[in-house]
Protein backbone atom coordinates (compact mmCIF):
# COMPACT_ATOMS: atom_id res chain seq x y z
CA MET A 1 71.06 70.83 119.83
CA VAL A 2 71.67 69.68 116.27
CA LEU A 3 68.74 68.60 114.08
CA PHE A 4 69.50 67.44 110.54
CA GLY A 5 72.69 69.47 110.39
CA ALA A 6 71.21 72.74 111.69
CA THR A 7 71.96 73.98 115.18
CA ILE A 8 68.95 75.33 117.06
CA ALA A 9 68.14 76.21 120.64
CA LEU A 10 65.06 74.32 121.81
CA TYR A 11 63.38 77.30 123.43
CA ASP A 12 64.74 80.13 121.26
CA GLN A 13 62.54 79.07 118.36
CA PRO A 14 58.92 78.13 118.99
CA MET A 15 58.78 75.98 115.85
CA PRO A 16 62.11 74.54 114.67
CA THR A 17 62.34 73.76 110.98
CA ILE A 18 63.30 70.12 110.66
CA HIS A 19 63.51 69.85 106.86
CA ARG A 20 62.95 72.06 103.81
CA LEU A 21 61.29 70.63 100.71
CA SER A 22 60.51 72.10 97.31
CA ASN A 23 57.03 73.34 98.29
CA CYS A 24 56.96 73.37 102.11
CA VAL A 25 58.91 73.03 105.33
CA ILE A 26 58.47 70.41 108.04
CA CYS A 27 58.36 71.88 111.55
CA LEU A 28 57.74 70.71 115.11
CA TYR A 29 56.47 72.75 118.06
CA ALA A 30 57.81 72.41 121.59
CA ASN A 31 55.15 71.70 124.23
CA ASP A 32 52.61 70.71 121.58
CA HIS A 33 49.47 68.60 121.99
CA LEU A 34 48.99 64.88 121.36
CA PRO A 35 49.10 62.87 119.18
CA PRO A 36 52.74 63.28 118.12
CA HIS A 37 52.65 65.20 114.84
CA PHE A 38 54.52 67.60 112.60
CA HIS A 39 53.45 70.75 110.80
CA LEU A 40 53.78 71.37 107.08
CA ARG A 41 54.08 75.07 106.30
CA PHE A 42 53.58 76.23 102.73
CA SER A 43 54.83 79.55 101.33
CA ASP A 44 51.25 80.79 100.80
CA GLY A 45 50.51 80.50 104.54
CA ARG A 46 48.60 77.23 104.46
CA GLN A 47 49.54 74.58 106.99
CA ALA A 48 48.71 70.96 107.66
CA LEU A 49 49.22 68.76 110.73
CA ILE A 50 50.37 65.19 110.07
CA ALA A 51 50.37 62.37 112.64
CA ILE A 52 53.84 60.84 112.92
CA ASN A 53 52.68 57.29 113.70
CA ASP A 54 50.65 56.72 110.51
CA LEU A 55 51.31 59.92 108.49
CA SER A 56 47.61 60.72 108.35
CA PRO A 57 46.50 64.35 108.05
CA LEU A 58 45.07 65.66 111.34
CA ALA A 59 44.01 69.10 110.17
CA GLY A 60 44.54 71.75 107.56
CA PHE A 61 44.33 75.43 108.30
CA GLY A 62 45.44 78.80 106.97
CA GLY A 63 42.38 79.51 104.85
CA SER A 64 42.58 76.61 102.43
CA ARG A 65 42.89 72.86 102.40
CA VAL A 66 46.11 71.16 101.39
CA SER A 67 45.72 68.33 98.89
CA LEU A 68 47.42 64.96 99.28
CA ARG A 69 49.23 65.69 96.02
CA GLU A 70 50.74 68.82 97.57
CA MET A 71 51.80 66.83 100.64
CA SER A 72 53.24 63.86 98.71
CA GLU A 73 56.90 64.95 98.83
CA ALA A 74 56.65 65.68 102.56
CA LEU A 75 54.89 62.40 103.29
CA GLU A 76 57.52 60.47 101.36
CA TRP A 77 60.31 62.20 103.29
CA ALA A 78 58.51 61.65 106.60
CA SER A 79 57.98 57.94 105.87
CA GLN A 80 61.75 57.56 105.54
CA ASN A 81 62.45 59.65 108.66
CA ARG A 82 59.59 58.70 110.98
CA ALA A 83 61.80 57.46 113.84
CA ARG A 84 63.81 60.70 113.79
CA LEU A 85 60.65 62.82 113.72
CA LEU A 86 59.22 60.95 116.70
CA ALA A 87 62.50 61.24 118.64
CA ILE A 88 62.63 64.99 118.02
CA TRP A 89 58.92 65.39 118.91
CA GLU A 90 59.48 63.48 122.17
CA GLN A 91 62.53 65.59 123.03
CA LEU A 92 60.64 68.84 122.38
CA ASN A 93 57.54 67.68 124.27
CA SER A 94 58.87 65.80 127.29
């Protein structure tokens, strides 16, 4: 399977990286829970879950909250790639 120019095996990696940004990476889990969402992973170990349909934060974890300012680049990218994120989420979770 090819996602954004990178070849990955759906079940070889539990959380494929969809896109790398300056301060985080956007990832999706296979066999994940509803609602459709993506994970932001920051280099310091913090993570946030973002709903694909309205780009609202679902949760933050990893010991510290993630500010909207820190998520702004990821949210901007996701707003321009929402249909692709949802298609990948559906493929990984069908």
